[in-house]
């Protein structure tokens, strides 16, 4: 979105995923029967001994009236690419970065967007002509880690970014150019950068797996209420947030259970609820928070201040997974 990478550099083509004993079928799932572990796609029907649902989330732009017509979102590839063309031309006015509902993927990402936008406008010499307001439904930028939240709040204050916690965007009025919040407040805007409301895929909602829109799972095994059926990643409703590192943790736990079942052992490794999140603070500085959601009655987080060294660590974190999964 900020022009630091090319579109080609961030794509991970499924055709590159090749592992021994793994068959990748690029088909659309149209129906799931969790009781019989049967999956119907646009080209056939598959029956499974073990079914792992990992269908992520969909973005419901229409749940926020006016967003599609009068705003922008930066959580999809297409949305970020569109803003990549808009941001270099924005030189004056009010920017509102808004979140339309919780839960949403990668809770620190909107904070990163605000700080990186500040950097981009400052580099272009137009920051003094622009206002940045950040609205999110969470009570703080990173609730599991008060120390991380304090660091982000200090960064917002230093950069004159207005932070409005505990609110969500419910609609945009494109004619009057105002963002409307859940308590009726109206924020004037010239550029809106939004996080759309998230929802599980329609096929998940229709198959009986979900409750209140998400798939309830055991926190430690990721098992659903249906025997032999698991759910991992953003569509699963566990006590972990929607983020890639926690999807990976859930996948490891499910893999451990399947290996133990095949081998006839009890040597399983339950999900620990731990993960590392790297946070862009701008000016090429990256912070880190190590969080544990299952360590006690409340989640915990250990914060590391932003540094150039952590940028290198973040890069290795990403490149190691690209290589392991896609050979890139």
Protein backbone atom coordinates (compact mmCIF):
# COMPACT_ATOMS: atom_id res chain seq x y z
CA UNK A 1 0.00 0.00 0.00
CA UNK A 2 2.86 2.40 0.77
CA UNK A 3 4.95 1.44 -2.27
CA UNK A 4 7.70 -0.34 -0.31
CA UNK A 5 7.13 -3.66 -2.12
CA UNK A 6 5.92 -4.60 -5.57
CA UNK A 7 2.69 -6.58 -5.93
CA UNK A 8 4.67 -9.51 -7.31
CA UNK A 9 6.94 -9.58 -4.25
CA UNK A 10 4.10 -10.27 -1.82
CA UNK A 11 2.16 -12.85 -3.79
CA UNK A 12 2.39 -16.54 -2.78
CA UNK A 13 1.01 -18.61 -5.69
CA UNK A 14 -0.72 -21.84 -4.68
CA UNK A 15 0.88 -23.50 -7.69
CA UNK A 16 4.21 -23.16 -5.86
CA UNK A 17 3.01 -25.28 -2.95
CA UNK A 18 4.40 -28.76 -3.55
CA UNK A 19 4.96 -31.25 -0.74
CA UNK A 20 5.41 -35.03 -0.89
CA UNK A 21 2.09 -36.79 -0.36
CA UNK A 22 0.07 -33.59 -0.62
CA UNK A 23 -2.40 -33.02 -3.45
CA UNK A 24 -3.52 -29.42 -3.91
CA UNK A 25 -6.86 -28.95 -5.67
CA UNK A 26 -7.79 -25.38 -6.56
CA UNK A 27 -11.56 -25.70 -6.32
CA UNK A 28 -14.40 -23.78 -4.68
CA UNK A 29 -16.04 -25.39 -1.66
CA UNK A 30 -19.81 -25.17 -2.07
CA UNK A 31 -21.04 -27.43 0.75
CA UNK A 32 -19.73 -29.06 3.92
CA UNK A 33 -21.41 -31.89 5.81
CA UNK A 34 -19.51 -32.04 9.13
CA UNK A 35 -21.47 -35.06 10.38
CA UNK A 36 -20.25 -37.25 7.51
CA UNK A 37 -17.07 -35.24 6.81
CA UNK A 38 -18.12 -34.79 3.20
CA UNK A 39 -17.05 -31.76 1.18
CA UNK A 40 -18.66 -30.72 -2.09
CA UNK A 41 -16.83 -28.45 -4.49
CA UNK A 42 -17.64 -26.97 -7.87
CA UNK A 43 -16.10 -30.03 -9.51
CA UNK A 44 -16.74 -32.99 -7.21
CA UNK A 45 -17.39 -34.57 -3.82
CA UNK A 46 -14.73 -35.62 -1.30
CA UNK A 47 -15.16 -37.84 1.74
CA UNK A 48 -12.67 -37.60 4.58
CA UNK A 49 -11.58 -39.51 7.65
CA UNK A 50 -10.37 -36.21 9.08
CA UNK A 51 -11.68 -32.82 7.99
CA UNK A 52 -9.81 -29.59 8.77
CA UNK A 53 -11.72 -26.42 7.92
CA UNK A 54 -9.40 -23.48 7.21
CA UNK A 55 -11.50 -21.16 5.07
CA UNK A 56 -10.42 -17.89 6.64
CA UNK A 57 -12.85 -14.98 6.63
CA UNK A 58 -14.71 -12.94 4.06
CA UNK A 59 -14.90 -9.14 4.07
CA UNK A 60 -18.48 -7.90 4.30
CA UNK A 61 -18.20 -4.45 2.73
CA UNK A 62 -21.98 -4.11 2.46
CA UNK A 63 -22.33 -4.41 6.25
CA UNK A 64 -20.98 -0.84 6.40
CA UNK A 65 -23.24 1.28 4.16
CA UNK A 66 -21.25 3.68 2.02
CA UNK A 67 -17.92 1.90 2.37
CA UNK A 68 -17.95 0.37 -1.09
CA UNK A 69 -19.04 3.59 -2.81
CA UNK A 70 -17.36 6.29 -0.75
CA UNK A 71 -14.38 4.75 1.04
CA UNK A 72 -11.42 2.46 0.70
CA UNK A 73 -10.29 -0.69 2.51
CA UNK A 74 -6.73 -1.94 2.88
CA UNK A 75 -7.23 -5.52 4.10
CA UNK A 76 -7.57 -7.12 0.67
CA UNK A 77 -4.86 -7.23 -1.97
CA UNK A 78 -7.06 -5.29 -4.38
CA UNK A 79 -7.89 -2.68 -1.75
CA UNK A 80 -4.26 -2.14 -0.78
CA UNK A 81 -3.25 -1.95 -4.44
CA UNK A 82 -5.93 0.68 -5.09
CA UNK A 83 -4.68 2.80 -2.19
CA UNK A 84 -1.14 2.41 -3.52
CA UNK A 85 -2.28 4.60 -6.40
CA UNK A 86 -4.27 7.06 -4.26
CA UNK A 87 -1.87 7.84 -1.40
CA UNK A 88 0.88 9.52 -3.47
CA UNK A 89 -1.70 12.03 -4.69
CA UNK A 90 -3.19 12.87 -1.28
CA UNK A 91 -1.69 16.12 -0.02
CA UNK A 92 -4.30 17.87 2.11
CA UNK A 93 -7.28 17.01 4.28
CA UNK A 94 -8.64 14.62 6.87
CA UNK A 95 -7.80 10.92 6.86
CA UNK A 96 -9.91 8.51 8.91
CA UNK A 97 -8.59 4.99 9.48
CA UNK A 98 -11.57 3.04 10.75
CA UNK A 99 -12.42 -0.49 11.88
CA UNK A 100 -15.98 -1.65 11.22
CA UNK A 101 -16.19 -4.41 13.82
CA UNK A 102 -14.47 -7.04 15.92
CA UNK A 103 -13.04 -9.60 15.67
CA UNK A 104 -10.76 -8.59 12.82
CA UNK A 105 -7.49 -9.94 11.47
CA UNK A 106 -4.15 -8.75 12.85
CA UNK A 107 -5.31 -6.23 15.49
CA UNK A 108 -2.06 -4.16 15.32
CA UNK A 109 -2.32 -3.63 11.53
CA UNK A 110 -4.51 -0.48 11.62
CA UNK A 111 -2.05 1.08 14.10
CA UNK A 112 0.76 0.28 11.69
CA UNK A 113 -1.21 1.87 8.85
CA UNK A 114 -1.61 5.11 10.80
CA UNK A 115 2.10 5.32 11.67
CA UNK A 116 3.28 4.43 8.17
CA UNK A 117 0.85 6.94 6.65
CA UNK A 118 2.34 9.61 8.91
CA UNK A 119 5.80 8.69 7.60
CA UNK A 120 4.71 8.79 3.97
CA UNK A 121 3.03 12.20 4.31
CA UNK A 122 6.02 13.56 6.26
CA UNK A 123 8.48 12.38 3.62
CA UNK A 124 6.44 14.15 0.97
CA UNK A 125 6.37 17.33 3.10
CA UNK A 126 2.57 17.51 3.36
CA UNK A 127 1.96 16.10 6.86
CA UNK A 128 1.14 19.54 8.33
CA UNK A 129 -1.69 19.84 5.82
CA UNK A 130 -3.25 16.53 6.88
CA UNK A 131 -5.11 15.17 9.91
CA UNK A 132 -5.07 11.47 10.83
CA UNK A 133 -7.78 9.94 13.04
CA UNK A 134 -7.79 6.26 13.95
CA UNK A 135 -11.02 4.59 15.16
CA UNK A 136 -11.14 1.03 16.50
CA UNK A 137 -13.57 -1.01 18.66
CA UNK A 138 -10.88 -2.38 20.99
CA UNK A 139 -10.11 -0.53 24.24
CA UNK A 140 -6.42 -0.16 23.38
CA UNK A 141 -4.17 -0.81 20.36
CA UNK A 142 -2.93 -4.19 21.68
CA UNK A 143 -5.08 -5.23 24.68
CA UNK A 144 -3.01 -8.32 25.71
CA UNK A 145 0.07 -6.14 26.20
CA UNK A 146 -0.44 -2.86 28.08
CA UNK A 147 3.23 -2.00 27.54
CA UNK A 148 2.88 -2.33 23.77
CA UNK A 149 -0.31 -0.27 23.84
CA UNK A 150 1.43 2.47 25.83
CA UNK A 151 4.24 2.57 23.28
CA UNK A 152 1.78 2.89 20.41
CA UNK A 153 -0.23 5.56 22.22
CA UNK A 154 2.98 7.52 22.80
CA UNK A 155 3.82 7.17 19.11
CA UNK A 156 0.35 8.44 18.15
CA UNK A 157 0.68 11.43 20.49
CA UNK A 158 4.15 12.29 19.19
CA UNK A 159 2.88 12.22 15.61
CA UNK A 160 -0.40 14.03 16.38
CA UNK A 161 -2.53 11.05 15.38
CA UNK A 162 -5.95 11.13 17.07
CA UNK A 163 -6.85 7.73 18.54
CA UNK A 164 -10.48 6.87 19.30
CA UNK A 165 -10.75 3.48 21.05
CA UNK A 166 -13.98 1.67 21.88
CA UNK A 167 -15.78 2.78 18.72
CA UNK A 168 -16.57 1.19 15.40
CA UNK A 169 -17.52 2.71 12.07
CA UNK A 170 -21.12 1.89 11.12
CA UNK A 171 -21.50 3.85 7.86
CA UNK A 172 -20.09 6.46 5.51
CA UNK A 173 -22.08 9.34 4.07
CA UNK A 174 -20.30 10.09 0.82
CA UNK A 175 -22.42 13.13 -0.02
CA UNK A 176 -21.67 14.90 3.28
CA UNK A 177 -18.19 13.29 3.53
CA UNK A 178 -18.66 12.10 7.10
CA UNK A 179 -17.89 8.82 8.86
CA UNK A 180 -20.63 7.78 11.31
CA UNK A 181 -19.66 5.91 14.47
CA UNK A 182 -21.67 3.52 16.61
CA UNK A 183 -22.56 6.24 19.13
CA UNK A 184 -23.76 8.64 16.44
CA UNK A 185 -20.61 10.77 16.26
CA UNK A 186 -19.76 12.08 12.82
CA UNK A 187 -16.18 12.54 11.65
CA UNK A 188 -15.51 14.62 8.52
CA UNK A 189 -13.15 12.90 6.08
CA UNK A 190 -11.44 13.47 2.77
CA UNK A 191 -9.87 10.00 2.62
CA UNK A 192 -11.23 6.93 4.38
CA UNK A 193 -9.04 3.86 4.88
CA UNK A 194 -11.08 1.07 6.43
CA UNK A 195 -10.94 -2.41 7.89
CA UNK A 196 -14.18 -4.06 6.73
CA UNK A 197 -16.39 -6.14 8.96
CA UNK A 198 -15.27 -9.79 8.96
CA UNK A 199 -17.50 -12.83 8.65
CA UNK A 200 -17.01 -16.54 8.14
CA UNK A 201 -17.54 -17.89 4.64
CA UNK A 202 -21.17 -18.45 3.71
CA UNK A 203 -20.58 -22.19 3.31
CA UNK A 204 -19.42 -22.32 6.95
CA UNK A 205 -22.52 -20.50 8.17
CA UNK A 206 -24.79 -22.83 6.20
CA UNK A 207 -23.30 -26.17 7.25
CA UNK A 208 -24.09 -26.09 10.96
CA UNK A 209 -20.50 -25.72 12.14
CA UNK A 210 -20.79 -22.09 13.24
CA UNK A 211 -22.34 -20.42 16.25
CA UNK A 212 -22.78 -16.64 16.24
CA UNK A 213 -20.99 -16.61 12.90
CA UNK A 214 -17.82 -18.50 13.90
CA UNK A 215 -16.75 -22.12 14.44
CA UNK A 216 -16.36 -22.91 18.16
CA UNK A 217 -13.32 -25.07 18.85
CA UNK A 218 -11.41 -26.47 21.79
CA UNK A 219 -8.68 -23.95 22.61
CA UNK A 220 -5.96 -26.58 22.88
CA UNK A 221 -6.89 -29.15 20.20
CA UNK A 222 -8.89 -26.98 17.75
CA UNK A 223 -11.48 -29.79 17.61
CA UNK A 224 -15.08 -28.89 16.80
CA UNK A 225 -18.15 -30.58 18.28
CA UNK A 226 -18.20 -32.96 15.32
CA UNK A 227 -15.91 -36.03 15.67
CA UNK A 228 -12.93 -35.89 13.31
CA UNK A 229 -13.57 -32.27 12.34
CA UNK A 230 -11.17 -29.43 13.23
CA UNK A 231 -11.13 -25.73 12.41
CA UNK A 232 -8.03 -23.55 12.30
CA UNK A 233 -7.23 -19.98 11.36
CA UNK A 234 -9.51 -16.98 11.12
CA UNK A 235 -12.80 -18.91 10.86
CA UNK A 236 -12.19 -20.67 14.20
CA UNK A 237 -13.53 -19.12 17.40
CA UNK A 238 -10.85 -19.74 20.00
CA UNK A 239 -9.33 -17.42 22.60
CA UNK A 240 -6.53 -16.57 20.17
CA UNK A 241 -6.79 -13.53 17.90
CA UNK A 242 -7.17 -13.73 14.13
CA UNK A 243 -3.56 -13.59 12.97
CA UNK A 244 -1.26 -15.71 10.84
CA UNK A 245 1.04 -16.76 13.66
CA UNK A 246 -1.92 -18.16 15.61
CA UNK A 247 -3.29 -19.94 12.55
CA UNK A 248 0.15 -21.55 12.30
CA UNK A 249 0.02 -22.51 16.00
CA UNK A 250 -3.40 -24.08 15.56
CA UNK A 251 -2.23 -25.99 12.49
CA UNK A 252 0.72 -27.42 14.44
CA UNK A 253 -1.59 -28.61 17.21
CA UNK A 254 -3.95 -30.31 14.74
CA UNK A 255 -1.02 -31.89 12.89
CA UNK A 256 0.31 -33.23 16.20
CA UNK A 257 -3.06 -34.80 17.01
CA UNK A 258 -3.34 -36.43 13.57
CA UNK A 259 0.20 -37.83 13.71
CA UNK A 260 -0.48 -39.29 17.15
CA UNK A 261 -3.74 -40.82 15.94
CA UNK A 262 -2.09 -42.42 12.91
CA UNK A 263 0.76 -43.78 15.00
CA UNK A 264 -1.54 -44.91 17.80
CA UNK A 265 0.22 -42.87 20.48
CA UNK A 266 -0.82 -40.18 22.95
CA UNK A 267 2.15 -37.97 22.17
CA UNK A 268 0.27 -34.82 21.22
CA UNK A 269 1.35 -31.20 21.49
CA UNK A 270 -1.64 -29.01 22.36
CA UNK A 271 -1.84 -25.43 21.16
CA UNK A 272 0.07 -23.19 23.56
CA UNK A 273 -1.67 -19.95 22.60
CA UNK A 274 1.67 -18.23 22.11
CA UNK A 275 2.87 -16.10 19.24
CA UNK A 276 5.11 -13.25 18.16
CA UNK A 277 3.79 -10.13 16.49
CA UNK A 278 6.07 -7.62 14.77
CA UNK A 279 4.73 -4.07 14.68
CA UNK A 280 5.76 -1.36 12.23
CA UNK A 281 6.37 1.91 14.12
CA UNK A 282 7.53 3.82 11.04
CA UNK A 283 10.98 5.24 10.27
CA UNK A 284 12.12 1.67 9.49
CA UNK A 285 11.69 0.77 13.17
CA UNK A 286 9.93 -2.48 14.11
CA UNK A 287 8.71 -3.45 17.58
CA UNK A 288 7.82 -6.92 18.82
CA UNK A 289 5.36 -8.34 21.29
CA UNK A 290 5.43 -11.97 22.47
CA UNK A 291 1.96 -12.89 23.65
CA UNK A 292 0.55 -15.87 25.51
CA UNK A 293 -3.21 -16.25 25.62
CA UNK A 294 -3.29 -19.43 27.71
CA UNK A 295 -0.68 -18.70 30.38
CA UNK A 296 -3.17 -17.69 33.05
CA UNK A 297 -6.50 -16.02 33.73
CA UNK A 298 -5.51 -13.14 31.43
CA UNK A 299 -3.37 -12.98 28.28
CA UNK A 300 0.16 -11.71 28.75
CA UNK A 301 2.51 -9.86 26.44
CA UNK A 302 6.23 -9.10 26.55
CA UNK A 303 7.18 -5.98 24.63
CA UNK A 304 10.44 -5.20 22.82
CA UNK A 305 11.00 -1.59 21.78
CA UNK A 306 11.26 -0.72 18.08
CA UNK A 307 14.68 -1.15 16.43
CA UNK A 308 16.35 -1.73 13.10
CA UNK A 309 17.54 -5.12 14.36
CA UNK A 310 13.96 -6.26 14.84
CA UNK A 311 13.25 -5.31 11.22
CA UNK A 312 15.82 -7.90 10.14
CA UNK A 313 14.25 -10.43 12.50
CA UNK A 314 10.81 -9.74 11.04
CA UNK A 315 12.14 -10.22 7.52
CA UNK A 316 13.62 -13.59 8.47
CA UNK A 317 10.35 -14.59 10.14
CA UNK A 318 8.52 -14.05 6.87
CA UNK A 319 11.14 -15.41 4.47
CA UNK A 320 11.61 -18.63 6.47
CA UNK A 321 7.91 -19.44 6.13
CA UNK A 322 7.81 -18.56 2.45
CA UNK A 323 10.67 -20.97 1.88
CA UNK A 324 9.22 -23.76 4.05
CA UNK A 325 5.75 -23.64 2.56
CA UNK A 326 6.28 -22.44 -1.00
CA UNK A 327 9.98 -22.94 -1.70
CA UNK A 328 10.39 -19.23 -2.48
